[in-house]
Structures are given as structure tokens and as C-alpha cells.
Amino acid sequence: MFFLLDVWGKQPAQEISNPERYPVRGVAFSPDGSFLVTSALDQVVFWNAKTLKESERLPGPYPTDLAFSPDGSKLAATGYSGVTIWDVAASNKNPIVVEKWPEPSDDALANPFRGNPLAFTPDNQVLVYAACKQVDLPLCGESEIRRWNLALGNWSEPIKGPNNFIQHLDVSGDGSMVVGTYCKQYTGSACGVSRISLWDLATGEELHSFEQPGFVNGAIFAADSKTLIIVKEKELVFMDISWVR
């Protein structure tokens, strides 16, 4: 099961039943707020945001991460067995299989560090996602950031990433940068030190990186692309990055 929370505190949390064997790994709201989508093992599930009733299921790549394009016309899912994009504006939601990988093992499905975070560029033209080039469970031996051009139907040269799974990714509002977070140093099974890296989305150059103690849940750009908001377990850290470029 999972819960839908009213961030303004005007409505109580609403429990949504999820009958799947595996936990929900990905959740995304459509930009207009009319429905939300969750992962369900090898499917994505559409829910009516008002009634909280399931409305549709589509086969997916054992999804771990979901994202809508800013205009709401496309839904992308990355997961253990590939990358898929759906045209949600079409009546039959035609799937586009960007990448297909081997079916995952039970060990891979149980790996809590595994993920393929993704985001669309503000112009809706490019899907940016993290992928593990060399898997060395439970970690990633070599990761990279891939860019799929929806209009041209091809990839740009991948951006070299860290030697671990990138656990969160976001694209700046002006479309010029991408940020990725990952664990640099583990203390037992927990993350002792996290690293946040900024790359130039056009050239792939790493612009800057810095560290935070403990586990970082994610990092997102503010609307002006000059501030980075780092999400930690018990706090939000606001960082001025206007000097980076």
C-alpha cells in the first residue's frame, strides 16, 4: 500500500491499496494533477487522482522510476529491464522502447540501491536518465547519464558518471544542467557520505561536485536554476549555484 498526503494539511492522509508482491518504487503525478502513476513489478498503474481508483495498467520494464514530460503528453519509465516511453495523449498509449535489457534476477529486484532516475528537459524533447554500464551488485561498477532525443529517435554521447548507482537526477529549468546524487562512501549498509554532481547537459562536462554527510534523498533545481535544494533525512539544504556557470 501507499499513502496520498495533502501537503497543506487540510485533508487526512489517504491509504491506497496496492496488491502487488513487490513494493511501489516509483510514483509520478501528471502535470495537470488529474492522475498519478505508480510502479507495480512489471507494470505501471494509472490512478484517478480524484477518486483514487485504478483506471489502467500498462506493461513496463520492471519500473523503478517514473516521469512525465512537462507538457504531460509523455510518460517515461526506467527499470530493471529497460526504458519505455508512452504517448499518454494517444488513445492506445503507444509504447516506445528506448532500451531493452535482460530480465532481472530475484537478487537484482531485491537490491535497494538499484535505480535508474530520469527527467525530461523543459522543452519536452530529450529524456535524460541514469544507467549502470557495469553492474557489480549490490553496487554499480560504472554509471553514465544517457540522453534520448524524442524527435530524432537517437542518443547523444553518454555522460560519464560515478562508480555507483545514481540515485536521483534532475534537469535545471533552463535545460542547461543536470544534477545527480549518489553514495560515495558506505558505513556498513548505510551511506556515510553522499556526493552531488552537476554536469553541463550539452557538453557532458562535470561542472562541480560536493559532499554531504549521510544519505541524500535527492537534489532538485529551483525554478530560476540558480539554487539547488538538497533533500536529506531531516532537513532541506539550499545552495547557491549561480556561480557554477
C-alpha atoms as a PDB file:
ATOM      1  CA  MET A   1       0.000   0.000   0.000  1.00  0.00           C
ATOM      2  CA  PHE A   2       0.985   3.653  -0.212  1.00  0.00           C
ATOM      3  CA  PHE A   3      -0.383   6.942   1.076  1.00  0.00           C
ATOM      4  CA  LEU A   4      -1.538  10.142  -0.577  1.00  0.00           C
ATOM      5  CA  LEU A   5      -0.850  13.172   1.614  1.00  0.00           C
ATOM      6  CA  ASP A   6      -2.329  16.665   1.483  1.00  0.00           C
ATOM      7  CA  VAL A   7       0.760  18.869   1.809  1.00  0.00           C
ATOM      8  CA  TRP A   8      -1.379  21.763   3.079  1.00  0.00           C
ATOM      9  CA  GLY A   9      -2.713  19.610   5.905  1.00  0.00           C
ATOM     10  CA  LYS A  10      -6.366  20.236   5.073  1.00  0.00           C
ATOM     11  CA  GLN A  11      -7.199  16.611   4.347  1.00  0.00           C
ATOM     12  CA  PRO A  12      -6.182  13.424   6.205  1.00  0.00           C
ATOM     13  CA  ALA A  13      -3.749  11.019   4.571  1.00  0.00           C
ATOM     14  CA  GLN A  14      -5.474   8.599   2.246  1.00  0.00           C
ATOM     15  CA  GLU A  15      -4.384   4.991   2.066  1.00  0.00           C
ATOM     16  CA  ILE A  16      -4.312   3.406  -1.381  1.00  0.00           C
ATOM     17  CA  SER A  17      -4.291  -0.380  -1.547  1.00  0.00           C
ATOM     18  CA  ASN A  18      -1.590  -1.904  -3.703  1.00  0.00           C
ATOM     19  CA  PRO A  19      -1.969  -5.698  -4.087  1.00  0.00           C
ATOM     20  CA  GLU A  20       1.458  -6.260  -5.649  1.00  0.00           C
ATOM     21  CA  ARG A  21       4.058  -8.560  -4.172  1.00  0.00           C
ATOM     22  CA  TYR A  22       6.852  -6.028  -4.595  1.00  0.00           C
ATOM     23  CA  PRO A  23       6.854  -2.512  -3.092  1.00  0.00           C
ATOM     24  CA  VAL A  24       5.981   0.615  -5.058  1.00  0.00           C
ATOM     25  CA  ARG A  25       9.306   2.004  -6.294  1.00  0.00           C
ATOM     26  CA  GLY A  26       8.113   4.861  -8.485  1.00  0.00           C
ATOM     27  CA  VAL A  27       5.303   7.426  -8.261  1.00  0.00           C
ATOM     28  CA  ALA A  28       4.552  10.376 -10.539  1.00  0.00           C
ATOM     29  CA  PHE A  29       1.709  12.875 -10.834  1.00  0.00           C
ATOM     30  CA  SER A  30       0.619  14.115 -14.241  1.00  0.00           C
ATOM     31  CA  PRO A  31       1.437  17.841 -14.623  1.00  0.00           C
ATOM     32  CA  ASP A  32      -2.266  18.770 -14.593  1.00  0.00           C
ATOM     33  CA  GLY A  33      -2.833  16.737 -11.421  1.00  0.00           C
ATOM     34  CA  SER A  34      -5.600  14.618 -12.935  1.00  0.00           C
ATOM     35  CA  PHE A  35      -3.970  11.251 -12.281  1.00  0.00           C
ATOM     36  CA  LEU A  36      -0.939   9.598 -10.756  1.00  0.00           C
ATOM     37  CA  VAL A  37       1.071   6.610 -11.891  1.00  0.00           C
ATOM     38  CA  THR A  38       2.821   4.001  -9.749  1.00  0.00           C
ATOM     39  CA  SER A  39       5.147   1.095 -10.446  1.00  0.00           C
ATOM     40  CA  ALA A  40       3.831  -2.448  -9.970  1.00  0.00           C
ATOM     41  CA  LEU A  41       6.512  -5.067 -10.581  1.00  0.00           C
ATOM     42  CA  ASP A  42       6.433  -5.326 -14.404  1.00  0.00           C
ATOM     43  CA  GLN A  43       3.654  -2.789 -14.968  1.00  0.00           C
ATOM     44  CA  VAL A  44       2.763   0.849 -14.459  1.00  0.00           C
ATOM     45  CA  VAL A  45      -0.620   1.595 -12.897  1.00  0.00           C
ATOM     46  CA  PHE A  46      -2.722   4.688 -13.612  1.00  0.00           C
ATOM     47  CA  TRP A  47      -4.896   6.043 -10.772  1.00  0.00           C
ATOM     48  CA  ASN A  48      -7.586   8.696 -10.963  1.00  0.00           C
ATOM     49  CA  ALA A  49      -6.319  11.420  -8.627  1.00  0.00           C
ATOM     50  CA  LYS A  50      -9.815  12.417  -7.513  1.00  0.00           C
ATOM     51  CA  THR A  51     -11.380   9.023  -6.920  1.00  0.00           C
ATOM     52  CA  LEU A  52      -8.103   7.191  -6.143  1.00  0.00           C
ATOM     53  CA  LYS A  53      -9.402   4.301  -8.227  1.00  0.00           C
ATOM     54  CA  GLU A  54      -7.205   2.308 -10.573  1.00  0.00           C
ATOM     55  CA  SER A  55      -8.020   3.185 -14.189  1.00  0.00           C
ATOM     56  CA  GLU A  56      -5.449   1.411 -16.359  1.00  0.00           C
ATOM     57  CA  ARG A  57      -2.355  -0.798 -16.436  1.00  0.00           C
ATOM     58  CA  LEU A  58       0.439  -0.914 -18.978  1.00  0.00           C
ATOM     59  CA  PRO A  59       3.328  -3.398 -19.207  1.00  0.00           C
ATOM     60  CA  GLY A  60       6.569  -1.777 -18.080  1.00  0.00           C
ATOM     61  CA  PRO A  61      10.302  -2.539 -17.714  1.00  0.00           C
ATOM     62  CA  TYR A  62      10.124  -3.651 -14.045  1.00  0.00           C
ATOM     63  CA  PRO A  63       9.962   0.087 -13.335  1.00  0.00           C
ATOM     64  CA  THR A  64      11.816   1.781 -10.508  1.00  0.00           C
ATOM     65  CA  ASP A  65      11.415   5.383 -11.659  1.00  0.00           C
ATOM     66  CA  LEU A  66       8.688   7.314 -13.495  1.00  0.00           C
ATOM     67  CA  ALA A  67       8.480  10.799 -15.001  1.00  0.00           C
ATOM     68  CA  PHE A  68       6.048  12.841 -17.078  1.00  0.00           C
ATOM     69  CA  SER A  69       7.172  15.299 -19.708  1.00  0.00           C
ATOM     70  CA  PRO A  70       6.442  18.914 -18.664  1.00  0.00           C
ATOM     71  CA  ASP A  71       3.553  19.162 -21.154  1.00  0.00           C
ATOM     72  CA  GLY A  72       2.046  15.901 -19.824  1.00  0.00           C
ATOM     73  CA  SER A  73       1.991  14.198 -23.214  1.00  0.00           C
ATOM     74  CA  LYS A  74       4.640  11.558 -22.442  1.00  0.00           C
ATOM     75  CA  LEU A  75       5.283   9.170 -19.555  1.00  0.00           C
ATOM     76  CA  ALA A  76       8.682   7.513 -19.230  1.00  0.00           C
ATOM     77  CA  ALA A  77       9.675   4.579 -17.049  1.00  0.00           C
ATOM     78  CA  THR A  78      13.121   3.243 -16.349  1.00  0.00           C
ATOM     79  CA  GLY A  79      13.650  -0.050 -14.564  1.00  0.00           C
ATOM     80  CA  TYR A  80      15.495  -3.294 -14.240  1.00  0.00           C
ATOM     81  CA  SER A  81      14.857  -4.414 -17.815  1.00  0.00           C
ATOM     82  CA  GLY A  82      14.881  -1.232 -19.864  1.00  0.00           C
ATOM     83  CA  VAL A  83      13.458   2.175 -20.691  1.00  0.00           C
ATOM     84  CA  THR A  84       9.986   2.804 -22.140  1.00  0.00           C
ATOM     85  CA  ILE A  85       8.119   5.948 -23.168  1.00  0.00           C
ATOM     86  CA  TRP A  86       4.349   6.092 -23.668  1.00  0.00           C
ATOM     87  CA  ASP A  87       2.340   8.667 -25.569  1.00  0.00           C
ATOM     88  CA  VAL A  88      -0.289   9.163 -22.879  1.00  0.00           C
ATOM     89  CA  ALA A  89      -2.191  11.646 -25.026  1.00  0.00           C
ATOM     90  CA  ALA A  90      -2.930   8.881 -27.560  1.00  0.00           C
ATOM     91  CA  SER A  91      -5.934   6.641 -27.026  1.00  0.00           C
ATOM     92  CA  ASN A  92      -3.820   3.469 -27.139  1.00  0.00           C
ATOM     93  CA  LYS A  93      -0.764   4.979 -25.366  1.00  0.00           C
ATOM     94  CA  ASN A  94       1.697   3.639 -27.950  1.00  0.00           C
ATOM     95  CA  PRO A  95       4.918   2.488 -26.210  1.00  0.00           C
ATOM     96  CA  ILE A  96       8.374   3.413 -27.463  1.00  0.00           C
ATOM     97  CA  VAL A  97      11.043   1.000 -26.173  1.00  0.00           C
ATOM     98  CA  VAL A  98      14.170   3.122 -25.882  1.00  0.00           C
ATOM     99  CA  GLU A  99      16.326   0.361 -24.400  1.00  0.00           C
ATOM    100  CA  LYS A 100      15.674  -3.262 -23.505  1.00  0.00           C
ATOM    101  CA  TRP A 101      17.894  -5.100 -21.034  1.00  0.00           C
ATOM    102  CA  PRO A 102      17.925  -8.740 -19.852  1.00  0.00           C
ATOM    103  CA  GLU A 103      15.155  -9.805 -17.481  1.00  0.00           C
ATOM    104  CA  PRO A 104      16.227  -9.128 -13.873  1.00  0.00           C
ATOM    105  CA  SER A 105      17.097 -11.808 -11.347  1.00  0.00           C
ATOM    106  CA  ASP A 106      15.446 -12.013  -7.918  1.00  0.00           C
ATOM    107  CA  ASP A 107      18.688 -10.650  -6.403  1.00  0.00           C
ATOM    108  CA  ALA A 108      18.518  -7.631  -8.685  1.00  0.00           C
ATOM    109  CA  LEU A 109      14.870  -6.984  -7.833  1.00  0.00           C
ATOM    110  CA  ALA A 110      15.705  -7.066  -4.121  1.00  0.00           C
ATOM    111  CA  ASN A 111      18.611  -4.616  -4.423  1.00  0.00           C
ATOM    112  CA  PRO A 112      17.616  -1.426  -2.535  1.00  0.00           C
ATOM    113  CA  PHE A 113      20.365   0.654  -4.184  1.00  0.00           C
ATOM    114  CA  ARG A 114      19.299  -0.099  -7.742  1.00  0.00           C
ATOM    115  CA  GLY A 115      17.556   2.660  -9.639  1.00  0.00           C
ATOM    116  CA  ASN A 116      17.511   4.494 -12.935  1.00  0.00           C
ATOM    117  CA  PRO A 117      16.321   8.044 -12.173  1.00  0.00           C
ATOM    118  CA  LEU A 118      15.092  10.111 -15.093  1.00  0.00           C
ATOM    119  CA  ALA A 119      13.808  13.531 -16.123  1.00  0.00           C
ATOM    120  CA  PHE A 120      12.658  15.306 -19.257  1.00  0.00           C
ATOM    121  CA  THR A 121      14.199  18.550 -20.453  1.00  0.00           C
ATOM    122  CA  PRO A 122      11.909  21.598 -20.148  1.00  0.00           C
ATOM    123  CA  ASP A 123      11.280  21.638 -23.918  1.00  0.00           C
ATOM    124  CA  ASN A 124       9.903  18.044 -23.783  1.00  0.00           C
ATOM    125  CA  GLN A 125      12.413  16.967 -26.433  1.00  0.00           C
ATOM    126  CA  VAL A 126      15.008  14.940 -24.507  1.00  0.00           C
ATOM    127  CA  LEU A 127      14.716  12.180 -21.891  1.00  0.00           C
ATOM    128  CA  VAL A 128      17.679  12.177 -19.529  1.00  0.00           C
ATOM    129  CA  TYR A 129      18.262   9.082 -17.405  1.00  0.00           C
ATOM    130  CA  ALA A 130      20.942   7.347 -15.375  1.00  0.00           C
ATOM    131  CA  ALA A 131      22.034   3.835 -16.282  1.00  0.00           C
ATOM    132  CA  CYS A 132      24.535   1.356 -14.914  1.00  0.00           C
ATOM    133  CA  LYS A 133      27.043   0.486 -17.607  1.00  0.00           C
ATOM    134  CA  GLN A 134      28.702  -2.207 -15.496  1.00  0.00           C
ATOM    135  CA  VAL A 135      26.702  -3.888 -12.734  1.00  0.00           C
ATOM    136  CA  ASP A 136      28.618  -5.210  -9.736  1.00  0.00           C
ATOM    137  CA  LEU A 137      25.826  -5.990  -7.249  1.00  0.00           C
ATOM    138  CA  PRO A 138      24.925  -4.582  -4.867  1.00  0.00           C
ATOM    139  CA  LEU A 139      26.740  -1.588  -6.399  1.00  0.00           C
ATOM    140  CA  CYS A 140      27.346  -0.267  -9.889  1.00  0.00           C
ATOM    141  CA  GLY A 141      30.886  -0.518 -11.208  1.00  0.00           C
ATOM    142  CA  GLU A 142      30.375   2.277 -13.730  1.00  0.00           C
ATOM    143  CA  SER A 143      27.364   4.501 -14.383  1.00  0.00           C
ATOM    144  CA  GLU A 144      26.517   7.027 -17.058  1.00  0.00           C
ATOM    145  CA  ILE A 145      23.841   9.577 -17.924  1.00  0.00           C
ATOM    146  CA  ARG A 146      22.110   8.940 -21.235  1.00  0.00           C
ATOM    147  CA  ARG A 147      20.152  11.408 -23.377  1.00  0.00           C
ATOM    148  CA  TRP A 148      17.426  10.205 -25.734  1.00  0.00           C
ATOM    149  CA  ASN A 149      16.145  12.717 -28.304  1.00  0.00           C
ATOM    150  CA  LEU A 150      12.433  12.035 -28.798  1.00  0.00           C
ATOM    151  CA  ALA A 151      12.168  13.956 -32.074  1.00  0.00           C
ATOM    152  CA  LEU A 152      15.210  12.349 -33.713  1.00  0.00           C
ATOM    153  CA  GLY A 153      14.868   8.947 -32.047  1.00  0.00           C
ATOM    154  CA  ASN A 154      18.546   8.627 -31.130  1.00  0.00           C
ATOM    155  CA  TRP A 155      21.070   9.075 -28.330  1.00  0.00           C
ATOM    156  CA  SER A 156      23.627  11.750 -27.698  1.00  0.00           C
ATOM    157  CA  GLU A 157      27.053  10.725 -26.397  1.00  0.00           C
ATOM    158  CA  PRO A 158      26.570   9.493 -22.802  1.00  0.00           C
ATOM    159  CA  ILE A 159      27.885  11.499 -19.882  1.00  0.00           C
ATOM    160  CA  LYS A 160      30.377   9.623 -17.702  1.00  0.00           C
ATOM    161  CA  GLY A 161      29.010   9.098 -14.199  1.00  0.00           C
ATOM    162  CA  PRO A 162      30.372   7.789 -10.885  1.00  0.00           C
ATOM    163  CA  ASN A 163      31.294   4.245  -9.917  1.00  0.00           C
ATOM    164  CA  ASN A 164      27.954   3.672  -8.211  1.00  0.00           C
ATOM    165  CA  PHE A 165      24.244   3.884  -8.919  1.00  0.00           C
ATOM    166  CA  ILE A 166      22.993   7.440  -9.389  1.00  0.00           C
ATOM    167  CA  GLN A 167      20.035   7.525  -7.023  1.00  0.00           C
ATOM    168  CA  HIS A 168      18.409  10.796  -8.055  1.00  0.00           C
ATOM    169  CA  LEU A 169      18.574  13.051 -11.106  1.00  0.00           C
ATOM    170  CA  ASP A 170      17.082  16.407 -12.100  1.00  0.00           C
ATOM    171  CA  VAL A 171      17.357  18.808 -15.043  1.00  0.00           C
ATOM    172  CA  SER A 172      17.559  22.560 -14.486  1.00  0.00           C
ATOM    173  CA  GLY A 173      14.671  24.758 -15.549  1.00  0.00           C
ATOM    174  CA  ASP A 174      16.746  26.393 -18.277  1.00  0.00           C
ATOM    175  CA  GLY A 175      17.773  22.974 -19.614  1.00  0.00           C
ATOM    176  CA  SER A 176      21.493  23.648 -19.279  1.00  0.00           C
ATOM    177  CA  MET A 177      22.471  21.391 -16.358  1.00  0.00           C
ATOM    178  CA  VAL A 178      21.746  18.027 -14.809  1.00  0.00           C
ATOM    179  CA  VAL A 179      22.345  17.108 -11.159  1.00  0.00           C
ATOM    180  CA  GLY A 180      22.889  13.596  -9.840  1.00  0.00           C
ATOM    181  CA  THR A 181      23.212  12.274  -6.286  1.00  0.00           C
ATOM    182  CA  TYR A 182      24.885   9.066  -5.193  1.00  0.00           C
ATOM    183  CA  CYS A 183      26.587   7.452  -2.225  1.00  0.00           C
ATOM    184  CA  LYS A 184      30.348   7.888  -2.213  1.00  0.00           C
ATOM    185  CA  GLN A 185      31.161   6.016   0.989  1.00  0.00           C
ATOM    186  CA  TYR A 186      29.202   3.376   2.894  1.00  0.00           C
ATOM    187  CA  THR A 187      29.301   2.756   6.625  1.00  0.00           C
ATOM    188  CA  GLY A 188      28.142  -0.820   6.884  1.00  0.00           C
ATOM    189  CA  SER A 189      24.910  -0.993   4.893  1.00  0.00           C
ATOM    190  CA  ALA A 190      24.177   2.737   5.327  1.00  0.00           C
ATOM    191  CA  CYS A 191      25.520   5.662   3.337  1.00  0.00           C
ATOM    192  CA  GLY A 192      28.088   7.626   5.323  1.00  0.00           C
ATOM    193  CA  VAL A 193      28.957  10.250   2.709  1.00  0.00           C
ATOM    194  CA  SER A 194      26.910  11.336  -0.323  1.00  0.00           C
ATOM    195  CA  ARG A 195      28.124  13.221  -3.358  1.00  0.00           C
ATOM    196  CA  ILE A 196      26.168  15.660  -5.500  1.00  0.00           C
ATOM    197  CA  SER A 197      27.471  16.353  -9.006  1.00  0.00           C
ATOM    198  CA  LEU A 198      26.494  18.944 -11.610  1.00  0.00           C
ATOM    199  CA  TRP A 199      27.070  18.345 -15.313  1.00  0.00           C
ATOM    200  CA  ASP A 200      26.679  20.537 -18.382  1.00  0.00           C
ATOM    201  CA  LEU A 201      23.815  18.839 -20.229  1.00  0.00           C
ATOM    202  CA  ALA A 202      25.024  19.872 -23.684  1.00  0.00           C
ATOM    203  CA  THR A 203      28.735  19.039 -23.383  1.00  0.00           C
ATOM    204  CA  GLY A 204      28.708  16.391 -20.615  1.00  0.00           C
ATOM    205  CA  GLU A 205      31.383  18.280 -18.671  1.00  0.00           C
ATOM    206  CA  GLU A 206      31.275  17.881 -14.899  1.00  0.00           C
ATOM    207  CA  LEU A 207      30.931  21.443 -13.634  1.00  0.00           C
ATOM    208  CA  HIS A 208      31.180  20.895  -9.896  1.00  0.00           C
ATOM    209  CA  SER A 209      30.685  18.298  -7.182  1.00  0.00           C
ATOM    210  CA  PHE A 210      30.421  18.480  -3.416  1.00  0.00           C
ATOM    211  CA  GLU A 211      29.741  16.158  -0.498  1.00  0.00           C
ATOM    212  CA  GLN A 212      27.164  15.906   2.263  1.00  0.00           C
ATOM    213  CA  PRO A 213      27.356  13.663   5.351  1.00  0.00           C
ATOM    214  CA  GLY A 214      24.869  10.808   5.461  1.00  0.00           C
ATOM    215  CA  PHE A 215      22.325   9.810   2.858  1.00  0.00           C
ATOM    216  CA  VAL A 216      20.934  12.378   0.433  1.00  0.00           C
ATOM    217  CA  ASN A 217      17.430  11.529  -0.766  1.00  0.00           C
ATOM    218  CA  GLY A 218      17.699  13.804  -3.785  1.00  0.00           C
ATOM    219  CA  ALA A 219      18.557  17.215  -5.188  1.00  0.00           C
ATOM    220  CA  ILE A 220      16.360  19.457  -7.319  1.00  0.00           C
ATOM    221  CA  PHE A 221      16.850  22.776  -9.038  1.00  0.00           C
ATOM    222  CA  ALA A 222      14.814  25.812  -8.040  1.00  0.00           C
ATOM    223  CA  ALA A 223      12.801  27.385 -10.866  1.00  0.00           C
ATOM    224  CA  ASP A 224      15.484  30.012 -11.549  1.00  0.00           C
ATOM    225  CA  SER A 225      18.207  27.301 -11.972  1.00  0.00           C
ATOM    226  CA  LYS A 226      20.423  29.294  -9.579  1.00  0.00           C
ATOM    227  CA  THR A 227      19.598  27.425  -6.375  1.00  0.00           C
ATOM    228  CA  LEU A 228      19.951  23.724  -5.632  1.00  0.00           C
ATOM    229  CA  ILE A 229      17.695  22.162  -2.989  1.00  0.00           C
ATOM    230  CA  ILE A 230      19.238  19.098  -1.326  1.00  0.00           C
ATOM    231  CA  VAL A 231      16.803  16.721   0.353  1.00  0.00           C
ATOM    232  CA  LYS A 232      18.206  14.981   3.422  1.00  0.00           C
ATOM    233  CA  GLU A 233      16.577  12.750   6.006  1.00  0.00           C
ATOM    234  CA  LYS A 234      15.638  15.541   8.429  1.00  0.00           C
ATOM    235  CA  GLU A 235      16.378  18.776   6.590  1.00  0.00           C
ATOM    236  CA  LEU A 236      16.449  20.686   3.327  1.00  0.00           C
ATOM    237  CA  VAL A 237      19.714  22.368   2.323  1.00  0.00           C
ATOM    238  CA  PHE A 238      19.537  25.355  -0.049  1.00  0.00           C
ATOM    239  CA  MET A 239      22.722  26.031  -2.019  1.00  0.00           C
ATOM    240  CA  ASP A 240      23.515  28.992  -4.272  1.00  0.00           C
ATOM    241  CA  ILE A 241      24.900  27.590  -7.549  1.00  0.00           C
ATOM    242  CA  SER A 242      24.685  30.779  -9.617  1.00  0.00           C
ATOM    243  CA  TRP A 243      28.493  30.894  -9.656  1.00  0.00           C
ATOM    244  CA  VAL A 244      28.860  27.429 -11.203  1.00  0.00           C
ATOM    245  CA  ARG A 245      28.330  28.593 -14.783  1.00  0.00           C
END
